[in-house]
Amino acid sequence: MNTIAKIPAILLTFMLFIAGCSSKNEVKNPENKGTGTTTEEQNAANQNTAEVPFKDFDLSVEYAGHKEYEAEYDTTDNQPEYSISDDLNNQFLKGDEALGKLTPLLQQLTFTEDTAQEDAIKEVLQVFNLKDDYQEFDLEVQFNNNSIKKYKVDKTP
């Protein structure tokens, strides 16, 4: 190989060596993609849930003809879950839609872990506008003080 052809190869090697020995220690961190929810959405959810007397509210009311009303409000972990499955009115909501409907209902509830089962069930049926001719009523709640209470009535013949 002649000398003129070697010069670009030598220059390229020299430039790579110099670039590798640079004193700049600049590291580019990957962009933080977050959880997919905006701060505004998180603040709105926090405002809604702050006034609710429960961390977890899991309601299931079964009626004749395999009709069922289910409501779930669960803020006990990092991934809150909210859902309504209403066979009676053919309404099925999840996420923010369910949260928007559940929050005002749950805020109306005043029963505590000391309330008699019959009174708590009566209040839930009234607030959720559910009939009392159910076959099975099943509710498990975790209050904000972390106490857990279960209410269950089975009227099936």
C-alpha atoms as a PDB file:
ATOM      1  CA  MET A   1       0.000   0.000   0.000  1.00  0.00           C
ATOM      2  CA  ASN A   2       1.415   3.332  -0.888  1.00  0.00           C
ATOM      3  CA  THR A   3       2.047   6.087   1.636  1.00  0.00           C
ATOM      4  CA  ILE A   4      -0.681   8.418   0.397  1.00  0.00           C
ATOM      5  CA  ALA A   5      -3.350   5.746   0.911  1.00  0.00           C
ATOM      6  CA  LYS A   6      -2.150   5.171   4.495  1.00  0.00           C
ATOM      7  CA  ILE A   7      -2.606   8.807   5.558  1.00  0.00           C
ATOM      8  CA  PRO A   8      -6.473   8.755   5.772  1.00  0.00           C
ATOM      9  CA  ALA A   9      -6.370   5.489   7.725  1.00  0.00           C
ATOM     10  CA  ILE A  10      -3.819   6.911  10.167  1.00  0.00           C
ATOM     11  CA  LEU A  11      -5.814  10.138  10.570  1.00  0.00           C
ATOM     12  CA  LEU A  12      -9.036   8.214  11.201  1.00  0.00           C
ATOM     13  CA  THR A  13      -7.352   6.033  13.820  1.00  0.00           C
ATOM     14  CA  PHE A  14      -5.859   9.110  15.498  1.00  0.00           C
ATOM     15  CA  MET A  15      -9.237  10.925  15.571  1.00  0.00           C
ATOM     16  CA  LEU A  16     -10.975   7.903  17.101  1.00  0.00           C
ATOM     17  CA  PHE A  17      -8.247   7.651  19.735  1.00  0.00           C
ATOM     18  CA  ILE A  18      -8.563  11.348  20.639  1.00  0.00           C
ATOM     19  CA  ALA A  19     -12.381  11.159  20.775  1.00  0.00           C
ATOM     20  CA  GLY A  20     -12.192   8.139  23.067  1.00  0.00           C
ATOM     21  CA  CYS A  21      -9.845   9.946  25.434  1.00  0.00           C
ATOM     22  CA  SER A  22     -12.037  13.015  25.733  1.00  0.00           C
ATOM     23  CA  SER A  23     -12.355  14.423  29.262  1.00  0.00           C
ATOM     24  CA  LYS A  24     -16.099  15.050  28.901  1.00  0.00           C
ATOM     25  CA  ASN A  25     -18.053  12.510  30.938  1.00  0.00           C
ATOM     26  CA  GLU A  26     -21.420  13.312  29.478  1.00  0.00           C
ATOM     27  CA  VAL A  27     -24.032  10.588  29.801  1.00  0.00           C
ATOM     28  CA  LYS A  28     -27.475  10.903  28.314  1.00  0.00           C
ATOM     29  CA  ASN A  29     -30.172   9.396  30.515  1.00  0.00           C
ATOM     30  CA  PRO A  30     -33.236   7.952  28.837  1.00  0.00           C
ATOM     31  CA  GLU A  31     -36.364  10.063  29.000  1.00  0.00           C
ATOM     32  CA  ASN A  32     -38.637   9.247  31.955  1.00  0.00           C
ATOM     33  CA  LYS A  33     -41.886   8.038  30.441  1.00  0.00           C
ATOM     34  CA  GLY A  34     -43.747   7.932  33.781  1.00  0.00           C
ATOM     35  CA  THR A  35     -46.890   5.889  34.393  1.00  0.00           C
ATOM     36  CA  GLY A  36     -48.993   7.304  31.595  1.00  0.00           C
ATOM     37  CA  THR A  37     -51.070   9.508  33.886  1.00  0.00           C
ATOM     38  CA  THR A  38     -50.594  13.227  34.124  1.00  0.00           C
ATOM     39  CA  THR A  39     -50.123  15.103  37.352  1.00  0.00           C
ATOM     40  CA  GLU A  40     -53.547  16.678  36.819  1.00  0.00           C
ATOM     41  CA  GLU A  41     -55.198  13.250  36.539  1.00  0.00           C
ATOM     42  CA  GLN A  42     -53.416  12.036  39.669  1.00  0.00           C
ATOM     43  CA  ASN A  43     -54.427  15.171  41.589  1.00  0.00           C
ATOM     44  CA  ALA A  44     -58.066  14.784  40.502  1.00  0.00           C
ATOM     45  CA  ALA A  45     -58.095  11.147  41.589  1.00  0.00           C
ATOM     46  CA  ASN A  46     -56.486  12.069  44.912  1.00  0.00           C
ATOM     47  CA  GLN A  47     -59.078  14.798  45.518  1.00  0.00           C
ATOM     48  CA  ASN A  48     -61.912  12.392  44.751  1.00  0.00           C
ATOM     49  CA  THR A  49     -60.572   9.619  46.939  1.00  0.00           C
ATOM     50  CA  ALA A  50     -59.547  11.870  49.847  1.00  0.00           C
ATOM     51  CA  GLU A  51     -63.165  12.393  50.900  1.00  0.00           C
ATOM     52  CA  VAL A  52     -64.229   8.752  50.652  1.00  0.00           C
ATOM     53  CA  PRO A  53     -64.366   6.894  54.005  1.00  0.00           C
ATOM     54  CA  PHE A  54     -63.011   3.666  52.476  1.00  0.00           C
ATOM     55  CA  LYS A  55     -59.756   2.397  51.015  1.00  0.00           C
ATOM     56  CA  ASP A  56     -61.544  -0.607  49.565  1.00  0.00           C
ATOM     57  CA  PHE A  57     -65.250  -1.131  48.845  1.00  0.00           C
ATOM     58  CA  ASP A  58     -66.287  -4.338  47.090  1.00  0.00           C
ATOM     59  CA  LEU A  59     -70.048  -4.730  46.633  1.00  0.00           C
ATOM     60  CA  SER A  60     -71.949  -7.565  44.975  1.00  0.00           C
ATOM     61  CA  VAL A  61     -75.756  -7.765  45.037  1.00  0.00           C
ATOM     62  CA  GLU A  62     -77.466 -10.631  43.211  1.00  0.00           C
ATOM     63  CA  TYR A  63     -81.095 -10.577  42.105  1.00  0.00           C
ATOM     64  CA  ALA A  64     -83.438 -13.113  40.510  1.00  0.00           C
ATOM     65  CA  GLY A  65     -82.840 -13.954  36.869  1.00  0.00           C
ATOM     66  CA  HIS A  66     -79.051 -13.894  37.268  1.00  0.00           C
ATOM     67  CA  LYS A  67     -79.041 -10.093  37.456  1.00  0.00           C
ATOM     68  CA  GLU A  68     -76.217  -8.604  39.474  1.00  0.00           C
ATOM     69  CA  TYR A  69     -74.892  -5.241  40.589  1.00  0.00           C
ATOM     70  CA  GLU A  70     -71.182  -5.045  41.360  1.00  0.00           C
ATOM     71  CA  ALA A  71     -69.129  -2.036  42.402  1.00  0.00           C
ATOM     72  CA  GLU A  72     -65.413  -2.025  43.128  1.00  0.00           C
ATOM     73  CA  TYR A  73     -63.424   0.833  44.617  1.00  0.00           C
ATOM     74  CA  ASP A  74     -59.909  -0.258  45.547  1.00  0.00           C
ATOM     75  CA  THR A  75     -57.152   2.194  46.458  1.00  0.00           C
ATOM     76  CA  THR A  76     -55.096  -0.191  48.596  1.00  0.00           C
ATOM     77  CA  ASP A  77     -52.190  -0.571  46.161  1.00  0.00           C
ATOM     78  CA  ASN A  78     -50.253   1.407  43.555  1.00  0.00           C
ATOM     79  CA  GLN A  79     -52.771   0.582  40.827  1.00  0.00           C
ATOM     80  CA  PRO A  80     -56.187   1.780  42.049  1.00  0.00           C
ATOM     81  CA  GLU A  81     -59.160  -0.029  40.506  1.00  0.00           C
ATOM     82  CA  TYR A  82     -62.646   1.328  40.009  1.00  0.00           C
ATOM     83  CA  SER A  83     -65.463  -0.509  38.245  1.00  0.00           C
ATOM     84  CA  ILE A  84     -69.223  -0.858  38.072  1.00  0.00           C
ATOM     85  CA  SER A  85     -70.957  -3.833  36.502  1.00  0.00           C
ATOM     86  CA  ASP A  86     -74.706  -3.233  36.544  1.00  0.00           C
ATOM     87  CA  ASP A  87     -76.811  -5.923  34.842  1.00  0.00           C
ATOM     88  CA  LEU A  88     -79.990  -4.231  36.095  1.00  0.00           C
ATOM     89  CA  ASN A  89     -79.409  -1.057  34.065  1.00  0.00           C
ATOM     90  CA  ASN A  90     -76.993  -2.482  31.494  1.00  0.00           C
ATOM     91  CA  GLN A  91     -74.214  -0.145  32.644  1.00  0.00           C
ATOM     92  CA  PHE A  92     -70.561  -1.188  32.738  1.00  0.00           C
ATOM     93  CA  LEU A  93     -67.906   1.347  33.735  1.00  0.00           C
ATOM     94  CA  LYS A  94     -64.188   1.147  34.507  1.00  0.00           C
ATOM     95  CA  GLY A  95     -61.446   3.531  35.539  1.00  0.00           C
ATOM     96  CA  ASP A  96     -62.169   7.253  35.700  1.00  0.00           C
ATOM     97  CA  GLU A  97     -65.775   6.814  34.523  1.00  0.00           C
ATOM     98  CA  ALA A  98     -66.495   4.427  37.384  1.00  0.00           C
ATOM     99  CA  LEU A  99     -64.595   6.635  39.834  1.00  0.00           C
ATOM    100  CA  GLY A 100     -66.715   9.614  38.793  1.00  0.00           C
ATOM    101  CA  LYS A 101     -69.907   7.693  39.520  1.00  0.00           C
ATOM    102  CA  LEU A 102     -68.723   5.884  42.672  1.00  0.00           C
ATOM    103  CA  THR A 103     -67.133   8.806  44.509  1.00  0.00           C
ATOM    104  CA  PRO A 104     -70.318  10.808  45.203  1.00  0.00           C
ATOM    105  CA  LEU A 105     -72.131   7.624  46.256  1.00  0.00           C
ATOM    106  CA  LEU A 106     -69.397   6.505  48.630  1.00  0.00           C
ATOM    107  CA  GLN A 107     -69.139  10.006  50.098  1.00  0.00           C
ATOM    108  CA  GLN A 108     -72.800   9.737  51.152  1.00  0.00           C
ATOM    109  CA  LEU A 109     -72.206   6.582  53.186  1.00  0.00           C
ATOM    110  CA  THR A 110     -71.913   7.202  56.922  1.00  0.00           C
ATOM    111  CA  PHE A 111     -71.784   3.692  58.393  1.00  0.00           C
ATOM    112  CA  THR A 112     -68.732   2.633  60.389  1.00  0.00           C
ATOM    113  CA  GLU A 113     -67.301  -0.693  61.506  1.00  0.00           C
ATOM    114  CA  ASP A 114     -69.517  -0.363  64.602  1.00  0.00           C
ATOM    115  CA  THR A 115     -72.764  -0.015  62.628  1.00  0.00           C
ATOM    116  CA  ALA A 116     -75.108  -3.013  62.760  1.00  0.00           C
ATOM    117  CA  GLN A 117     -75.060  -5.155  59.619  1.00  0.00           C
ATOM    118  CA  GLU A 118     -78.761  -4.565  58.885  1.00  0.00           C
ATOM    119  CA  ASP A 119     -78.333  -0.783  59.097  1.00  0.00           C
ATOM    120  CA  ALA A 120     -75.198  -0.759  56.931  1.00  0.00           C
ATOM    121  CA  ILE A 121     -76.893  -2.874  54.243  1.00  0.00           C
ATOM    122  CA  LYS A 122     -79.987  -0.681  54.311  1.00  0.00           C
ATOM    123  CA  GLU A 123     -77.848   2.452  53.860  1.00  0.00           C
ATOM    124  CA  VAL A 124     -75.864   0.960  50.959  1.00  0.00           C
ATOM    125  CA  LEU A 125     -79.040  -0.137  49.162  1.00  0.00           C
ATOM    126  CA  GLN A 126     -80.552   3.322  49.601  1.00  0.00           C
ATOM    127  CA  VAL A 127     -77.466   5.275  48.467  1.00  0.00           C
ATOM    128  CA  PHE A 128     -76.853   2.996  45.470  1.00  0.00           C
ATOM    129  CA  ASN A 129     -80.583   3.028  44.621  1.00  0.00           C
ATOM    130  CA  LEU A 130     -80.831  -0.770  44.750  1.00  0.00           C
ATOM    131  CA  LYS A 131     -83.960  -2.740  45.620  1.00  0.00           C
ATOM    132  CA  ASP A 132     -84.097  -4.801  48.786  1.00  0.00           C
ATOM    133  CA  ASP A 133     -85.538  -7.883  47.052  1.00  0.00           C
ATOM    134  CA  TYR A 134     -82.032  -9.239  46.453  1.00  0.00           C
ATOM    135  CA  GLN A 135     -81.138 -12.907  46.758  1.00  0.00           C
ATOM    136  CA  GLU A 136     -77.617 -12.328  48.009  1.00  0.00           C
ATOM    137  CA  PHE A 137     -75.846  -9.265  49.386  1.00  0.00           C
ATOM    138  CA  ASP A 138     -72.073  -9.334  49.810  1.00  0.00           C
ATOM    139  CA  LEU A 139     -69.997  -6.324  50.828  1.00  0.00           C
ATOM    140  CA  GLU A 140     -66.428  -6.128  52.047  1.00  0.00           C
ATOM    141  CA  VAL A 141     -64.973  -2.767  53.035  1.00  0.00           C
ATOM    142  CA  GLN A 142     -61.674  -1.538  54.343  1.00  0.00           C
ATOM    143  CA  PHE A 143     -62.167   1.708  56.197  1.00  0.00           C
ATOM    144  CA  ASN A 144     -59.561   4.473  56.151  1.00  0.00           C
ATOM    145  CA  ASN A 145     -58.429   3.366  59.618  1.00  0.00           C
ATOM    146  CA  ASN A 146     -57.537  -0.018  57.993  1.00  0.00           C
ATOM    147  CA  SER A 147     -60.255  -2.005  59.784  1.00  0.00           C
ATOM    148  CA  ILE A 148     -61.997  -4.516  57.531  1.00  0.00           C
ATOM    149  CA  LYS A 149     -65.654  -5.449  57.788  1.00  0.00           C
ATOM    150  CA  LYS A 150     -67.743  -7.971  55.821  1.00  0.00           C
ATOM    151  CA  TYR A 151     -71.505  -7.842  55.399  1.00  0.00           C
ATOM    152  CA  LYS A 152     -73.189 -10.888  53.891  1.00  0.00           C
ATOM    153  CA  VAL A 153     -76.823 -11.948  53.611  1.00  0.00           C
ATOM    154  CA  ASP A 154     -78.073 -14.906  51.590  1.00  0.00           C
ATOM    155  CA  LYS A 155     -81.847 -14.994  51.001  1.00  0.00           C
ATOM    156  CA  THR A 156     -81.865 -17.669  48.302  1.00  0.00           C
ATOM    157  CA  PRO A 157     -84.499 -20.328  48.956  1.00  0.00           C
END
